[in-house]
């Protein structure tokens, strides 16, 4: 199932365009990844977000190779894992990821977590600048960075991260981090956009009312909220019908009142790890 409406794009601070709606493969079984990513590509997704630690880069690569989709129509992200932070290890890690993906470059390479106890994230960021200069990643960014981590890499390098991928859903809007990022030209990517099922987001009446009004599911409404907020968003599913449903969010628009109502759900409710504690 595809849609005739094109996926909106955002222009990153390095001038590159990124599809705002992507497909995430966090916790996707490596043995099932090729099938699931194939389903996503058939549904219309062209932006795939993986990571070294997910253990499924090979499956992503097989699906991309089998799809026949031209490389310049795809946007592929992977991430530097915590144990590989540092200069030489970061260079080795991107080479390993590219080999597994079967690609000569990714479109976006991210530092997965700041891991502040190691305090290697600035050194790793400088390595990512080199990786970009070598053409192994078109754009570079970070993930799970707090304001202090962003300030350190901006001050200590020549490159402002193109994106910061953070936990973000209606009950955890991270307004301070997102405001800082947007003020500095850093695009926000939302992981766990539906709250990972760890609170009853999709049963909330505020979401349900908008779903009823538009003839959409609660999940579609939340994905649409992300898009209209300006986030890059990665819904994930292992079910073909749900994968297609999550993509079918481009033919309606939430009203300003509906957006404000969902905005009001922010409760500071983190459901994943805290960036200061993941090391």
Protein backbone atom coordinates (compact mmCIF):
# COMPACT_ATOMS: atom_id res chain seq x y z
CA UNK A 1 0.00 0.00 0.00
CA UNK A 2 1.52 3.30 -1.06
CA UNK A 3 0.19 6.79 -1.16
CA UNK A 4 0.16 9.27 -3.99
CA UNK A 5 1.14 12.06 -1.61
CA UNK A 6 4.92 12.38 -1.45
CA UNK A 7 6.64 12.07 1.91
CA UNK A 8 7.55 15.57 3.11
CA UNK A 9 11.25 16.36 3.43
CA UNK A 10 13.23 18.67 5.66
CA UNK A 11 16.42 20.40 4.59
CA UNK A 12 19.24 19.75 7.05
CA UNK A 13 21.81 22.36 8.05
CA UNK A 14 24.28 20.86 5.54
CA UNK A 15 21.84 21.42 2.67
CA UNK A 16 20.79 17.78 2.33
CA UNK A 17 17.13 16.76 2.27
CA UNK A 18 15.83 14.07 4.60
CA UNK A 19 12.45 12.31 4.34
CA UNK A 20 10.45 13.25 7.41
CA UNK A 21 8.78 9.84 7.70
CA UNK A 22 11.09 6.85 8.03
CA UNK A 23 11.05 3.24 9.17
CA UNK A 24 12.91 2.15 12.30
CA UNK A 25 14.25 -1.34 12.94
CA UNK A 26 15.04 -1.15 16.68
CA UNK A 27 14.35 -4.56 18.26
CA UNK A 28 13.53 -6.07 14.87
CA UNK A 29 14.68 -9.70 14.88
CA UNK A 30 17.74 -10.00 12.61
CA UNK A 31 16.23 -13.15 11.10
CA UNK A 32 13.08 -11.21 10.17
CA UNK A 33 14.69 -7.93 9.15
CA UNK A 34 14.95 -8.57 5.42
CA UNK A 35 11.25 -9.45 5.18
CA UNK A 36 10.13 -6.55 7.36
CA UNK A 37 12.25 -3.93 5.59
CA UNK A 38 11.04 -5.31 2.25
CA UNK A 39 7.46 -4.79 3.47
CA UNK A 40 8.35 -1.23 4.48
CA UNK A 41 9.91 -0.45 1.10
CA UNK A 42 6.84 -1.88 -0.65
CA UNK A 43 4.61 0.34 1.53
CA UNK A 44 6.50 3.38 0.28
CA UNK A 45 9.17 4.05 2.89
CA UNK A 46 12.53 5.15 1.48
CA UNK A 47 14.15 6.21 4.76
CA UNK A 48 15.46 3.37 6.95
CA UNK A 49 16.96 3.90 10.42
CA UNK A 50 19.19 1.16 11.85
CA UNK A 51 22.19 0.95 14.18
CA UNK A 52 25.20 -1.26 14.73
CA UNK A 53 23.90 -2.42 18.12
CA UNK A 54 20.59 -3.57 16.59
CA UNK A 55 22.41 -6.49 14.98
CA UNK A 56 20.28 -6.27 11.84
CA UNK A 57 22.31 -4.17 9.41
CA UNK A 58 22.88 -7.24 7.19
CA UNK A 59 19.13 -7.81 6.90
CA UNK A 60 18.57 -4.18 6.02
CA UNK A 61 21.29 -4.44 3.38
CA UNK A 62 19.79 -7.57 1.83
CA UNK A 63 16.37 -5.92 1.58
CA UNK A 64 17.86 -2.82 -0.03
CA UNK A 65 19.84 -4.88 -2.54
CA UNK A 66 16.83 -7.01 -3.46
CA UNK A 67 14.49 -4.03 -3.80
CA UNK A 68 15.99 -2.69 -7.00
CA UNK A 69 15.30 0.85 -5.72
CA UNK A 70 18.00 3.25 -6.97
CA UNK A 71 20.44 4.21 -4.25
CA UNK A 72 19.77 7.92 -4.70
CA UNK A 73 16.10 7.35 -3.80
CA UNK A 74 17.02 5.84 -0.44
CA UNK A 75 18.04 7.50 2.83
CA UNK A 76 19.90 5.13 5.16
CA UNK A 77 20.97 5.91 8.72
CA UNK A 78 23.12 3.85 11.07
CA UNK A 79 24.80 4.63 14.38
CA UNK A 80 28.13 4.39 16.19
CA UNK A 81 27.74 2.19 19.27
CA UNK A 82 29.01 3.24 22.71
CA UNK A 83 31.78 0.64 22.86
CA UNK A 84 33.20 1.95 19.56
CA UNK A 85 33.53 5.58 20.60
CA UNK A 86 36.96 7.05 19.97
CA UNK A 87 38.91 7.95 16.86
CA UNK A 88 40.26 4.68 15.44
CA UNK A 89 37.31 2.65 16.70
CA UNK A 90 34.78 4.99 15.08
CA UNK A 91 36.53 4.68 11.72
CA UNK A 92 36.55 0.90 12.04
CA UNK A 93 32.90 0.88 13.09
CA UNK A 94 31.63 2.77 10.04
CA UNK A 95 33.58 0.43 7.77
CA UNK A 96 32.00 -2.58 9.48
CA UNK A 97 28.52 -1.07 9.18
CA UNK A 98 28.99 -0.27 5.50
CA UNK A 99 30.16 -3.80 4.82
CA UNK A 100 27.13 -5.26 6.58
CA UNK A 101 24.76 -2.89 4.79
CA UNK A 102 26.42 -3.56 1.43
CA UNK A 103 26.78 0.19 0.83
CA UNK A 104 29.67 2.49 0.02
CA UNK A 105 28.13 5.24 2.16
CA UNK A 106 25.22 5.95 4.46
CA UNK A 107 23.17 9.12 4.27
CA UNK A 108 23.40 9.81 7.99
CA UNK A 109 25.77 8.50 10.69
CA UNK A 110 24.96 9.20 14.32
CA UNK A 111 26.74 8.89 17.66
CA UNK A 112 24.21 6.62 19.38
CA UNK A 113 24.57 7.92 22.97
CA UNK A 114 26.84 10.56 24.53
CA UNK A 115 28.02 8.07 27.22
CA UNK A 116 29.27 10.96 29.37
CA UNK A 117 31.16 8.73 31.80
CA UNK A 118 33.47 7.72 28.96
CA UNK A 119 33.71 11.35 27.79
CA UNK A 120 34.70 10.29 24.29
CA UNK A 121 31.82 11.84 22.42
CA UNK A 122 33.72 14.94 21.27
CA UNK A 123 36.60 12.80 20.03
CA UNK A 124 34.05 10.58 18.30
CA UNK A 125 32.39 13.63 16.76
CA UNK A 126 35.70 14.77 15.30
CA UNK A 127 36.06 11.27 13.83
CA UNK A 128 32.59 11.61 12.30
CA UNK A 129 33.73 14.84 10.65
CA UNK A 130 36.54 12.82 9.04
CA UNK A 131 34.11 10.06 8.06
CA UNK A 132 31.94 12.66 6.32
CA UNK A 133 34.99 14.16 4.58
CA UNK A 134 35.89 10.68 3.31
CA UNK A 135 32.41 10.33 1.77
CA UNK A 136 31.38 7.41 3.98
CA UNK A 137 28.42 9.36 5.34
CA UNK A 138 26.71 12.25 3.58
CA UNK A 139 25.48 13.83 6.81
CA UNK A 140 26.47 13.36 10.46
CA UNK A 141 24.55 13.82 13.66
CA UNK A 142 23.98 12.63 17.19
CA UNK A 143 21.40 10.73 19.19
CA UNK A 144 20.22 11.11 22.78
CA UNK A 145 22.29 14.26 23.33
CA UNK A 146 21.28 16.69 26.03
CA UNK A 147 21.94 20.42 25.69
CA UNK A 148 25.31 20.24 27.45
CA UNK A 149 26.48 17.49 25.08
CA UNK A 150 25.36 19.48 22.04
CA UNK A 151 27.12 22.59 23.33
CA UNK A 152 30.37 20.65 23.75
CA UNK A 153 30.46 19.26 20.20
CA UNK A 154 29.41 22.57 18.66
CA UNK A 155 32.11 24.46 20.56
CA UNK A 156 34.79 21.84 19.96
CA UNK A 157 34.38 21.20 16.24
CA UNK A 158 33.66 22.84 12.89
CA UNK A 159 30.32 21.06 12.39
CA UNK A 160 26.93 21.53 14.02
CA UNK A 161 25.17 18.14 14.11
CA UNK A 162 22.60 17.81 11.34
CA UNK A 163 20.18 15.96 13.63
CA UNK A 164 19.65 14.90 17.22
CA UNK A 165 17.62 11.70 17.48
CA UNK A 166 15.92 11.61 20.88
CA UNK A 167 13.11 9.87 22.72
CA UNK A 168 10.07 11.97 21.89
CA UNK A 169 6.34 11.26 22.13
CA UNK A 170 3.33 13.25 23.36
CA UNK A 171 3.99 12.55 27.06
CA UNK A 172 7.70 13.37 26.68
CA UNK A 173 8.17 16.30 24.34
CA UNK A 174 11.67 17.33 25.53
CA UNK A 175 10.87 20.98 24.86
CA UNK A 176 14.17 22.30 26.23
CA UNK A 177 16.28 20.04 24.03
CA UNK A 178 14.13 20.59 20.96
CA UNK A 179 14.13 24.36 21.41
CA UNK A 180 17.93 24.42 21.72
CA UNK A 181 18.30 22.16 18.69
CA UNK A 182 16.00 24.21 16.49
CA UNK A 183 17.68 27.45 17.57
CA UNK A 184 20.97 25.95 16.39
CA UNK A 185 19.68 24.49 13.13
CA UNK A 186 19.64 20.89 14.35
CA UNK A 187 16.73 18.77 13.11
CA UNK A 188 14.92 16.60 15.67
CA UNK A 189 14.32 12.91 15.03
CA UNK A 190 11.87 11.13 17.33
CA UNK A 191 12.52 7.60 18.50
CA UNK A 192 9.82 5.77 20.44
CA UNK A 193 7.30 8.10 18.76
CA UNK A 194 4.32 6.12 20.06
CA UNK A 195 5.74 5.70 23.58
CA UNK A 196 6.87 2.10 22.92
CA UNK A 197 3.60 0.84 24.39
CA UNK A 198 4.84 1.73 27.87
CA UNK A 199 1.85 3.96 28.66
CA UNK A 200 -1.65 3.93 27.15
CA UNK A 201 -1.01 6.76 24.68
CA UNK A 202 -3.24 5.29 21.99
CA UNK A 203 -6.18 4.96 24.41
CA UNK A 204 -6.11 8.59 25.54
CA UNK A 205 -9.35 10.45 24.72
CA UNK A 206 -7.42 13.44 23.36
CA UNK A 207 -5.87 11.18 20.72
CA UNK A 208 -9.05 9.18 20.17
CA UNK A 209 -11.14 12.26 19.45
CA UNK A 210 -8.81 13.33 16.65
CA UNK A 211 -8.72 9.77 15.29
CA UNK A 212 -12.52 9.67 15.14
CA UNK A 213 -12.69 13.10 13.54
CA UNK A 214 -10.36 12.11 10.71
CA UNK A 215 -11.30 8.46 10.30
CA UNK A 216 -7.78 7.40 11.24
CA UNK A 217 -6.23 5.20 13.92
CA UNK A 218 -4.82 6.64 17.12
CA UNK A 219 -1.31 5.69 15.96
CA UNK A 220 -1.82 7.55 12.68
CA UNK A 221 -2.87 10.64 14.60
CA UNK A 222 0.27 10.58 16.77
CA UNK A 223 2.52 10.08 13.74
CA UNK A 224 0.76 12.99 12.07
CA UNK A 225 1.30 15.10 15.21
CA UNK A 226 5.03 14.42 14.92
CA UNK A 227 5.12 15.42 11.26
CA UNK A 228 3.22 18.67 11.86
CA UNK A 229 5.43 19.44 14.88
CA UNK A 230 8.41 19.27 12.53
CA UNK A 231 9.92 16.04 13.82
CA UNK A 232 11.47 13.34 11.68
CA UNK A 233 9.69 10.21 12.87
CA UNK A 234 10.29 6.44 12.71
CA UNK A 235 7.27 4.33 13.54
CA UNK A 236 8.17 0.65 13.68
CA UNK A 237 6.18 -2.52 13.31
CA UNK A 238 6.81 -6.10 12.28
CA UNK A 239 3.30 -6.48 10.82
CA UNK A 240 2.81 -5.75 7.12
CA UNK A 241 -0.64 -4.19 7.56
CA UNK A 242 0.55 -1.98 10.43
CA UNK A 243 3.66 -0.94 8.50
CA UNK A 244 1.42 0.25 5.68
CA UNK A 245 -1.05 1.90 8.07
CA UNK A 246 1.75 3.88 9.73
CA UNK A 247 2.77 5.21 6.32
CA UNK A 248 -0.78 6.23 5.43
CA UNK A 249 -0.62 9.55 7.28
CA UNK A 250 -0.08 11.99 4.44
CA UNK A 251 -3.66 12.57 3.34
CA UNK A 252 -5.02 14.43 6.38
CA UNK A 253 -4.02 17.28 8.66
CA UNK A 254 -4.67 17.89 12.34
CA UNK A 255 -6.22 21.23 13.23
CA UNK A 256 -4.43 23.76 15.40
CA UNK A 257 -6.79 22.85 18.24
CA UNK A 258 -6.07 19.13 17.86
CA UNK A 259 -2.33 19.81 17.80
CA UNK A 260 -2.61 21.93 20.97
CA UNK A 261 -4.62 19.24 22.72
CA UNK A 262 -1.98 16.60 21.99
CA UNK A 263 0.76 19.07 22.95
CA UNK A 264 -0.94 19.36 26.34
CA UNK A 265 -0.24 15.69 27.07
CA UNK A 266 3.43 16.44 27.81
CA UNK A 267 4.14 15.10 31.32
CA UNK A 268 7.91 14.65 31.29
CA UNK A 269 7.34 10.90 31.02
CA UNK A 270 10.57 9.28 29.83
CA UNK A 271 10.13 5.59 29.02
CA UNK A 272 13.71 4.84 27.81
CA UNK A 273 17.14 5.27 29.28
CA UNK A 274 18.42 8.63 30.51
CA UNK A 275 21.34 9.91 28.42
CA UNK A 276 23.36 10.65 31.56
CA UNK A 277 23.03 7.04 32.68
CA UNK A 278 23.50 5.00 29.49
CA UNK A 279 27.23 4.28 29.30
